[in-house]
Amino acid sequence: MSKGTKGSIIMEGKQKLNQFGDFTDVSNMTVDDWDYRWSLDQTKFHMPIVHPMLKKHIQKLTLGRNRQTVFVPLCGKSLDMKWLLEEGHEVVGNECVDSACKQFFEENKIPYTTEKLGDVDGVLYKATDGKSIKIYRCDCFDLTSKLCGKFDCIWDRGGFVALPVKDRKRYANVMKSLMKPDCRYMLDCFLVDNEAFAGPPFNCTTKDVSKCFDQYCGIQKIDIHDAFTKWQESWGIKSFVEEVYMLKPK
């Protein structure tokens, strides 16, 4: 074994390309690792458009209701948040990297303030022009309903599948604690060969979703899409399938 970027381990003879284009072990990425990738502008995962699945299924997510509180975990600088805001909803994001939060507000020309989160190691980014949007910059595992409230809707556009697989159940526990009794949670997942590709994202089947959420939620698969592009081909894989689930508290 040898040391990789940021002290990660590379298994000699078993190297697998990750989505950042190198062979660093990404199976247990930390907050610091994500901060490092943002510092290198290795953010090809950022979509320059509003996520098609969000637009397609927004009525299922909000039940056609106006002024819903929508939570976007591990949001990066997603344009989904601006679109949800323009659709008339209140938007709350969570992100672990300061530069991602700053880029969201600055690139969308939304004036903002920052304040420390007190007991939690983090910062609250909040619009100052009357727009109902804010981002909690902290470790997602530090989130509580006391800190950020509970939500009508959750749009998980890849957070669940970006985390180390060992942390999925813990993450599910946090998400459940933030759901109102009638919350709808739209979860975007992928079927990907992690024997050939290091990730993230990490493979997630219906069984994997059920293992983490079935205790709390009813689970329905609402969409499936062949998401294979030239980028995924460059990872050394032959297929990449997107699956979307709708979760509702039991």
C-alpha atoms as a PDB file:
ATOM      1  CA  MET A   1       0.000   0.000   0.000  1.00  0.00           C
ATOM      2  CA  SER A   2       1.042   3.596  -0.527  1.00  0.00           C
ATOM      3  CA  LYS A   3      -0.178   6.998   0.544  1.00  0.00           C
ATOM      4  CA  GLY A   4      -2.542   8.821  -1.799  1.00  0.00           C
ATOM      5  CA  THR A   5      -3.762  12.416  -1.868  1.00  0.00           C
ATOM      6  CA  LYS A   6      -4.560  13.823   1.583  1.00  0.00           C
ATOM      7  CA  GLY A   7      -3.136  10.709   3.221  1.00  0.00           C
ATOM      8  CA  SER A   8      -5.606   8.277   1.667  1.00  0.00           C
ATOM      9  CA  ILE A   9      -4.490   4.735   0.949  1.00  0.00           C
ATOM     10  CA  ILE A  10      -3.988   3.285  -2.505  1.00  0.00           C
ATOM     11  CA  MET A  11      -4.131  -0.514  -2.755  1.00  0.00           C
ATOM     12  CA  GLU A  12      -1.287  -1.627  -5.008  1.00  0.00           C
ATOM     13  CA  GLY A  13      -2.496  -3.785  -7.883  1.00  0.00           C
ATOM     14  CA  LYS A  14      -6.150  -3.004  -7.132  1.00  0.00           C
ATOM     15  CA  GLN A  15      -6.398   0.580  -8.255  1.00  0.00           C
ATOM     16  CA  LYS A  16      -9.821   1.816  -9.296  1.00  0.00           C
ATOM     17  CA  LEU A  17     -10.459   5.215 -10.803  1.00  0.00           C
ATOM     18  CA  ASN A  18     -12.645   7.533  -8.714  1.00  0.00           C
ATOM     19  CA  GLN A  19     -14.920  10.256 -10.063  1.00  0.00           C
ATOM     20  CA  PHE A  20     -12.231  12.883  -9.445  1.00  0.00           C
ATOM     21  CA  GLY A  21      -9.974  11.264 -12.028  1.00  0.00           C
ATOM     22  CA  ASP A  22      -7.338   9.751  -9.740  1.00  0.00           C
ATOM     23  CA  PHE A  23      -6.812   6.537  -7.808  1.00  0.00           C
ATOM     24  CA  THR A  24      -7.110   7.819  -4.242  1.00  0.00           C
ATOM     25  CA  ASP A  25      -9.221   5.660  -1.926  1.00  0.00           C
ATOM     26  CA  VAL A  26     -12.541   7.495  -1.603  1.00  0.00           C
ATOM     27  CA  SER A  27     -14.503   4.843   0.265  1.00  0.00           C
ATOM     28  CA  ASN A  28     -14.371   6.791   3.525  1.00  0.00           C
ATOM     29  CA  MET A  29     -14.299  10.421   2.477  1.00  0.00           C
ATOM     30  CA  THR A  30     -14.476  12.933   5.324  1.00  0.00           C
ATOM     31  CA  VAL A  31     -15.546  16.568   5.491  1.00  0.00           C
ATOM     32  CA  ASP A  32     -11.891  17.545   5.017  1.00  0.00           C
ATOM     33  CA  ASP A  33     -11.632  15.351   1.923  1.00  0.00           C
ATOM     34  CA  TRP A  34     -14.644  17.042   0.343  1.00  0.00           C
ATOM     35  CA  ASP A  35     -13.215  20.461   1.224  1.00  0.00           C
ATOM     36  CA  TYR A  36      -9.982  19.450  -0.502  1.00  0.00           C
ATOM     37  CA  ARG A  37     -11.806  18.391  -3.675  1.00  0.00           C
ATOM     38  CA  TRP A  38     -13.694  21.695  -3.785  1.00  0.00           C
ATOM     39  CA  SER A  39     -10.384  23.555  -3.335  1.00  0.00           C
ATOM     40  CA  LEU A  40      -9.124  21.811  -6.492  1.00  0.00           C
ATOM     41  CA  ASP A  41     -12.365  22.636  -8.331  1.00  0.00           C
ATOM     42  CA  GLN A  42     -12.989  18.912  -8.764  1.00  0.00           C
ATOM     43  CA  THR A  43     -16.740  19.388  -8.798  1.00  0.00           C
ATOM     44  CA  LYS A  44     -17.849  17.834 -12.054  1.00  0.00           C
ATOM     45  CA  PHE A  45     -20.699  16.294 -10.047  1.00  0.00           C
ATOM     46  CA  HIS A  46     -22.240  19.787  -9.928  1.00  0.00           C
ATOM     47  CA  MET A  47     -25.035  19.981 -12.496  1.00  0.00           C
ATOM     48  CA  PRO A  48     -25.135  23.234 -14.521  1.00  0.00           C
ATOM     49  CA  ILE A  49     -28.901  22.788 -14.888  1.00  0.00           C
ATOM     50  CA  VAL A  50     -31.817  22.087 -12.571  1.00  0.00           C
ATOM     51  CA  HIS A  51     -31.981  18.352 -11.946  1.00  0.00           C
ATOM     52  CA  PRO A  52     -34.387  16.784 -14.499  1.00  0.00           C
ATOM     53  CA  MET A  53     -35.823  14.392 -11.899  1.00  0.00           C
ATOM     54  CA  LEU A  54     -36.707  17.277  -9.611  1.00  0.00           C
ATOM     55  CA  LYS A  55     -38.559  19.086 -12.396  1.00  0.00           C
ATOM     56  CA  LYS A  56     -40.270  15.893 -13.520  1.00  0.00           C
ATOM     57  CA  HIS A  57     -41.521  14.879 -10.076  1.00  0.00           C
ATOM     58  CA  ILE A  58     -41.956  18.215  -8.272  1.00  0.00           C
ATOM     59  CA  GLN A  59     -45.735  17.720  -8.010  1.00  0.00           C
ATOM     60  CA  LYS A  60     -45.244  14.344  -6.335  1.00  0.00           C
ATOM     61  CA  LEU A  61     -42.734  15.870  -3.958  1.00  0.00           C
ATOM     62  CA  THR A  62     -44.837  18.882  -2.955  1.00  0.00           C
ATOM     63  CA  LEU A  63     -48.278  17.345  -3.620  1.00  0.00           C
ATOM     64  CA  GLY A  64     -48.933  20.500  -5.618  1.00  0.00           C
ATOM     65  CA  ARG A  65     -48.795  22.615  -2.471  1.00  0.00           C
ATOM     66  CA  ASN A  66     -47.314  26.090  -2.347  1.00  0.00           C
ATOM     67  CA  ARG A  67     -44.809  27.448   0.141  1.00  0.00           C
ATOM     68  CA  GLN A  68     -43.411  24.086   1.218  1.00  0.00           C
ATOM     69  CA  THR A  69     -40.270  23.897   3.342  1.00  0.00           C
ATOM     70  CA  VAL A  70     -37.796  21.921   1.243  1.00  0.00           C
ATOM     71  CA  PHE A  71     -34.548  20.532   2.627  1.00  0.00           C
ATOM     72  CA  VAL A  72     -31.634  19.739   0.291  1.00  0.00           C
ATOM     73  CA  PRO A  73     -28.957  17.706   2.131  1.00  0.00           C
ATOM     74  CA  LEU A  74     -25.333  17.824   0.950  1.00  0.00           C
ATOM     75  CA  CYS A  75     -26.451  20.475  -1.509  1.00  0.00           C
ATOM     76  CA  GLY A  76     -23.171  21.841  -2.829  1.00  0.00           C
ATOM     77  CA  LYS A  77     -24.090  24.860  -4.953  1.00  0.00           C
ATOM     78  CA  SER A  78     -27.000  23.101  -6.642  1.00  0.00           C
ATOM     79  CA  LEU A  79     -29.185  25.190  -8.934  1.00  0.00           C
ATOM     80  CA  ASP A  80     -32.096  23.112  -7.665  1.00  0.00           C
ATOM     81  CA  MET A  81     -32.247  25.376  -4.617  1.00  0.00           C
ATOM     82  CA  LYS A  82     -32.620  28.548  -6.659  1.00  0.00           C
ATOM     83  CA  TRP A  83     -35.288  26.897  -8.816  1.00  0.00           C
ATOM     84  CA  LEU A  84     -37.240  25.705  -5.755  1.00  0.00           C
ATOM     85  CA  LEU A  85     -37.004  29.214  -4.359  1.00  0.00           C
ATOM     86  CA  GLU A  86     -38.361  30.686  -7.598  1.00  0.00           C
ATOM     87  CA  GLU A  87     -41.193  28.151  -7.481  1.00  0.00           C
ATOM     88  CA  GLY A  88     -42.258  29.762  -4.217  1.00  0.00           C
ATOM     89  CA  HIS A  89     -40.876  27.352  -1.644  1.00  0.00           C
ATOM     90  CA  GLU A  90     -38.744  27.921   1.437  1.00  0.00           C
ATOM     91  CA  VAL A  91     -35.371  26.282   0.910  1.00  0.00           C
ATOM     92  CA  VAL A  92     -32.858  25.024   3.455  1.00  0.00           C
ATOM     93  CA  GLY A  93     -29.615  23.370   2.393  1.00  0.00           C
ATOM     94  CA  ASN A  94     -26.858  21.559   4.195  1.00  0.00           C
ATOM     95  CA  GLU A  95     -23.288  21.527   2.948  1.00  0.00           C
ATOM     96  CA  CYS A  96     -19.973  20.763   4.629  1.00  0.00           C
ATOM     97  CA  VAL A  97     -17.758  23.057   2.522  1.00  0.00           C
ATOM     98  CA  ASP A  98     -17.682  26.844   2.946  1.00  0.00           C
ATOM     99  CA  SER A  99     -16.599  27.562  -0.627  1.00  0.00           C
ATOM    100  CA  ALA A 100     -19.626  25.682  -1.976  1.00  0.00           C
ATOM    101  CA  CYS A 101     -21.975  27.813   0.126  1.00  0.00           C
ATOM    102  CA  LYS A 102     -20.264  31.031  -0.912  1.00  0.00           C
ATOM    103  CA  GLN A 103     -20.326  30.084  -4.575  1.00  0.00           C
ATOM    104  CA  PHE A 104     -24.042  29.346  -4.443  1.00  0.00           C
ATOM    105  CA  PHE A 105     -24.957  32.774  -3.083  1.00  0.00           C
ATOM    106  CA  GLU A 106     -22.389  34.733  -5.105  1.00  0.00           C
ATOM    107  CA  GLU A 107     -22.978  33.019  -8.460  1.00  0.00           C
ATOM    108  CA  ASN A 108     -26.731  33.499  -8.074  1.00  0.00           C
ATOM    109  CA  LYS A 109     -26.251  37.111  -6.929  1.00  0.00           C
ATOM    110  CA  ILE A 110     -28.081  36.556  -3.643  1.00  0.00           C
ATOM    111  CA  PRO A 111     -26.771  38.827  -0.845  1.00  0.00           C
ATOM    112  CA  TYR A 112     -26.120  36.877   2.343  1.00  0.00           C
ATOM    113  CA  THR A 113     -24.844  37.011   5.884  1.00  0.00           C
ATOM    114  CA  THR A 114     -23.053  34.398   7.963  1.00  0.00           C
ATOM    115  CA  GLU A 115     -23.255  33.521  11.619  1.00  0.00           C
ATOM    116  CA  LYS A 116     -21.762  30.787  13.753  1.00  0.00           C
ATOM    117  CA  LEU A 117     -24.026  27.936  14.734  1.00  0.00           C
ATOM    118  CA  GLY A 118     -23.175  27.999  18.433  1.00  0.00           C
ATOM    119  CA  ASP A 119     -23.009  24.505  19.899  1.00  0.00           C
ATOM    120  CA  VAL A 120     -22.492  22.975  16.444  1.00  0.00           C
ATOM    121  CA  ASP A 121     -19.215  23.460  14.602  1.00  0.00           C
ATOM    122  CA  GLY A 122     -20.473  25.324  11.591  1.00  0.00           C
ATOM    123  CA  VAL A 123     -21.833  28.458   9.936  1.00  0.00           C
ATOM    124  CA  LEU A 124     -25.295  29.537   8.807  1.00  0.00           C
ATOM    125  CA  TYR A 125     -25.428  31.244   5.400  1.00  0.00           C
ATOM    126  CA  LYS A 126     -28.628  33.228   5.051  1.00  0.00           C
ATOM    127  CA  ALA A 127     -30.074  35.455   2.320  1.00  0.00           C
ATOM    128  CA  THR A 128     -30.538  39.082   3.327  1.00  0.00           C
ATOM    129  CA  ASP A 129     -32.813  40.255   0.513  1.00  0.00           C
ATOM    130  CA  GLY A 130     -36.000  38.677   1.776  1.00  0.00           C
ATOM    131  CA  LYS A 131     -35.497  35.384  -0.070  1.00  0.00           C
ATOM    132  CA  SER A 132     -36.391  32.329   2.017  1.00  0.00           C
ATOM    133  CA  ILE A 133     -33.164  30.407   1.610  1.00  0.00           C
ATOM    134  CA  LYS A 134     -30.348  29.421   3.915  1.00  0.00           C
ATOM    135  CA  ILE A 135     -27.579  26.840   4.044  1.00  0.00           C
ATOM    136  CA  TYR A 136     -26.221  25.202   7.172  1.00  0.00           C
ATOM    137  CA  ARG A 137     -22.504  24.646   6.664  1.00  0.00           C
ATOM    138  CA  CYS A 138     -21.790  21.762   8.997  1.00  0.00           C
ATOM    139  CA  ASP A 139     -21.311  18.023   9.097  1.00  0.00           C
ATOM    140  CA  CYS A 140     -24.628  16.451   8.124  1.00  0.00           C
ATOM    141  CA  PHE A 141     -24.417  14.231  11.211  1.00  0.00           C
ATOM    142  CA  ASP A 142     -24.602  17.329  13.409  1.00  0.00           C
ATOM    143  CA  LEU A 143     -28.012  18.296  12.035  1.00  0.00           C
ATOM    144  CA  THR A 144     -30.966  18.184  14.428  1.00  0.00           C
ATOM    145  CA  SER A 145     -34.536  19.438  14.282  1.00  0.00           C
ATOM    146  CA  LYS A 146     -33.635  21.818  17.112  1.00  0.00           C
ATOM    147  CA  LEU A 147     -30.964  23.361  14.892  1.00  0.00           C
ATOM    148  CA  CYS A 148     -32.767  23.613  11.557  1.00  0.00           C
ATOM    149  CA  GLY A 149     -36.385  22.553  12.088  1.00  0.00           C
ATOM    150  CA  LYS A 150     -38.446  19.879  10.340  1.00  0.00           C
ATOM    151  CA  PHE A 151     -39.471  19.843   6.709  1.00  0.00           C
ATOM    152  CA  ASP A 152     -42.418  19.243   4.398  1.00  0.00           C
ATOM    153  CA  CYS A 153     -40.124  17.874   1.682  1.00  0.00           C
ATOM    154  CA  ILE A 154     -36.595  16.531   1.310  1.00  0.00           C
ATOM    155  CA  TRP A 155     -34.847  16.401  -2.059  1.00  0.00           C
ATOM    156  CA  ASP A 156     -31.790  14.167  -1.762  1.00  0.00           C
ATOM    157  CA  ARG A 157     -30.023  14.631  -5.077  1.00  0.00           C
ATOM    158  CA  GLY A 158     -27.102  12.294  -4.362  1.00  0.00           C
ATOM    159  CA  GLY A 159     -26.135  12.822  -0.733  1.00  0.00           C
ATOM    160  CA  PHE A 160     -27.116   9.338   0.384  1.00  0.00           C
ATOM    161  CA  VAL A 161     -25.021   7.677  -2.328  1.00  0.00           C
ATOM    162  CA  ALA A 162     -22.018  10.001  -1.917  1.00  0.00           C
ATOM    163  CA  LEU A 163     -21.483   9.080   1.729  1.00  0.00           C
ATOM    164  CA  PRO A 164     -19.413   6.078   2.828  1.00  0.00           C
ATOM    165  CA  VAL A 165     -21.698   3.039   2.708  1.00  0.00           C
ATOM    166  CA  LYS A 166     -21.035   2.316   6.383  1.00  0.00           C
ATOM    167  CA  ASP A 167     -22.616   5.684   7.290  1.00  0.00           C
ATOM    168  CA  ARG A 168     -25.898   5.203   5.419  1.00  0.00           C
ATOM    169  CA  LYS A 169     -27.964   3.992   8.355  1.00  0.00           C
ATOM    170  CA  ARG A 170     -26.688   6.824  10.534  1.00  0.00           C
ATOM    171  CA  TYR A 171     -27.569   9.287   7.772  1.00  0.00           C
ATOM    172  CA  ALA A 172     -31.060   7.787   7.469  1.00  0.00           C
ATOM    173  CA  ASN A 173     -31.571   8.330  11.190  1.00  0.00           C
ATOM    174  CA  VAL A 174     -30.714  12.019  10.786  1.00  0.00           C
ATOM    175  CA  MET A 175     -33.044  12.439   7.809  1.00  0.00           C
ATOM    176  CA  LYS A 176     -35.917  10.777   9.671  1.00  0.00           C
ATOM    177  CA  SER A 177     -35.439  13.205  12.570  1.00  0.00           C
ATOM    178  CA  LEU A 178     -35.946  16.135  10.152  1.00  0.00           C
ATOM    179  CA  MET A 179     -39.154  14.860   8.553  1.00  0.00           C
ATOM    180  CA  LYS A 180     -42.574  16.232   9.442  1.00  0.00           C
ATOM    181  CA  PRO A 181     -45.253  13.525   9.868  1.00  0.00           C
ATOM    182  CA  ASP A 182     -46.486  14.067   6.284  1.00  0.00           C
ATOM    183  CA  CYS A 183     -43.059  14.746   4.741  1.00  0.00           C
ATOM    184  CA  ARG A 184     -42.193  13.456   1.277  1.00  0.00           C
ATOM    185  CA  TYR A 185     -38.559  12.483   0.744  1.00  0.00           C
ATOM    186  CA  MET A 186     -37.380  12.078  -2.851  1.00  0.00           C
ATOM    187  CA  LEU A 187     -34.179  10.047  -2.960  1.00  0.00           C
ATOM    188  CA  ASP A 188     -31.954   9.876  -6.041  1.00  0.00           C
ATOM    189  CA  CYS A 189     -29.769   6.730  -6.239  1.00  0.00           C
ATOM    190  CA  PHE A 190     -27.587   4.886  -8.726  1.00  0.00           C
ATOM    191  CA  LEU A 191     -26.776   1.366  -9.812  1.00  0.00           C
ATOM    192  CA  VAL A 192     -23.034   1.394 -10.499  1.00  0.00           C
ATOM    193  CA  ASP A 193     -20.299  -1.231 -10.582  1.00  0.00           C
ATOM    194  CA  ASN A 194     -18.042  -0.369  -7.648  1.00  0.00           C
ATOM    195  CA  GLU A 195     -15.901  -3.415  -8.387  1.00  0.00           C
ATOM    196  CA  ALA A 196     -14.627  -1.483 -11.401  1.00  0.00           C
ATOM    197  CA  PHE A 197     -15.209   2.107 -10.242  1.00  0.00           C
ATOM    198  CA  ALA A 198     -14.151   3.474  -6.862  1.00  0.00           C
ATOM    199  CA  GLY A 199     -16.921   6.060  -6.522  1.00  0.00           C
ATOM    200  CA  PRO A 200     -18.523   8.200  -5.361  1.00  0.00           C
ATOM    201  CA  PRO A 201     -21.371   7.593  -6.040  1.00  0.00           C
ATOM    202  CA  PHE A 202     -21.672   4.183  -4.454  1.00  0.00           C
ATOM    203  CA  ASN A 203     -24.021   1.489  -5.676  1.00  0.00           C
ATOM    204  CA  CYS A 204     -27.469   1.544  -4.085  1.00  0.00           C
ATOM    205  CA  THR A 205     -30.176  -1.035  -4.765  1.00  0.00           C
ATOM    206  CA  THR A 206     -33.784  -1.108  -3.592  1.00  0.00           C
ATOM    207  CA  LYS A 207     -32.645  -3.549  -0.916  1.00  0.00           C
ATOM    208  CA  ASP A 208     -30.043  -1.030   0.285  1.00  0.00           C
ATOM    209  CA  VAL A 209     -32.668   1.725   0.519  1.00  0.00           C
ATOM    210  CA  SER A 210     -35.031  -0.572   2.415  1.00  0.00           C
ATOM    211  CA  LYS A 211     -32.295  -1.641   4.807  1.00  0.00           C
ATOM    212  CA  CYS A 212     -31.772   1.958   5.889  1.00  0.00           C
ATOM    213  CA  PHE A 213     -35.270   3.457   5.670  1.00  0.00           C
ATOM    214  CA  ASP A 214     -37.873   0.695   5.879  1.00  0.00           C
ATOM    215  CA  GLN A 215     -38.050   1.011   9.663  1.00  0.00           C
ATOM    216  CA  TYR A 216     -39.299   4.574   9.306  1.00  0.00           C
ATOM    217  CA  CYS A 217     -40.790   5.017   5.865  1.00  0.00           C
ATOM    218  CA  GLY A 218     -42.921   3.564   3.147  1.00  0.00           C
ATOM    219  CA  ILE A 219     -40.772   3.300   0.029  1.00  0.00           C
ATOM    220  CA  GLN A 220     -41.866   3.548  -3.600  1.00  0.00           C
ATOM    221  CA  LYS A 221     -39.637   3.539  -6.667  1.00  0.00           C
ATOM    222  CA  ILE A 222     -41.058   6.243  -8.936  1.00  0.00           C
ATOM    223  CA  ASP A 223     -38.551   6.415 -11.781  1.00  0.00           C
ATOM    224  CA  ILE A 224     -35.648   4.663 -13.473  1.00  0.00           C
ATOM    225  CA  HIS A 225     -33.358   6.216 -16.063  1.00  0.00           C
ATOM    226  CA  ASP A 226     -30.306   5.207 -18.095  1.00  0.00           C
ATOM    227  CA  ALA A 227     -27.883   7.930 -16.952  1.00  0.00           C
ATOM    228  CA  PHE A 228     -24.801   6.568 -18.740  1.00  0.00           C
ATOM    229  CA  THR A 229     -22.751   9.295 -20.460  1.00  0.00           C
ATOM    230  CA  LYS A 230     -19.210   9.771 -21.714  1.00  0.00           C
ATOM    231  CA  TRP A 231     -18.206  10.811 -18.202  1.00  0.00           C
ATOM    232  CA  GLN A 232     -19.358   7.512 -16.721  1.00  0.00           C
ATOM    233  CA  GLU A 233     -17.696   5.671 -19.593  1.00  0.00           C
ATOM    234  CA  SER A 234     -14.407   7.325 -18.579  1.00  0.00           C
ATOM    235  CA  TRP A 235     -14.778   5.698 -15.141  1.00  0.00           C
ATOM    236  CA  GLY A 236     -14.267   2.304 -16.740  1.00  0.00           C
ATOM    237  CA  ILE A 237     -17.836   1.077 -16.287  1.00  0.00           C
ATOM    238  CA  LYS A 238     -20.387  -0.137 -18.807  1.00  0.00           C
ATOM    239  CA  SER A 239     -23.658   1.045 -17.280  1.00  0.00           C
ATOM    240  CA  PHE A 240     -24.972   3.699 -14.915  1.00  0.00           C
ATOM    241  CA  VAL A 241     -28.624   3.611 -13.942  1.00  0.00           C
ATOM    242  CA  GLU A 242     -30.457   6.273 -11.962  1.00  0.00           C
ATOM    243  CA  GLU A 243     -33.317   5.182  -9.696  1.00  0.00           C
ATOM    244  CA  VAL A 244     -35.588   7.582  -7.852  1.00  0.00           C
ATOM    245  CA  TYR A 245     -37.595   6.710  -4.733  1.00  0.00           C
ATOM    246  CA  MET A 246     -40.320   8.494  -2.827  1.00  0.00           C
ATOM    247  CA  LEU A 247     -40.266   7.925   0.910  1.00  0.00           C
ATOM    248  CA  LYS A 248     -43.067   8.800   3.342  1.00  0.00           C
ATOM    249  CA  PRO A 249     -43.059   8.374   7.122  1.00  0.00           C
ATOM    250  CA  LYS A 250     -45.044   5.385   8.363  1.00  0.00           C
END
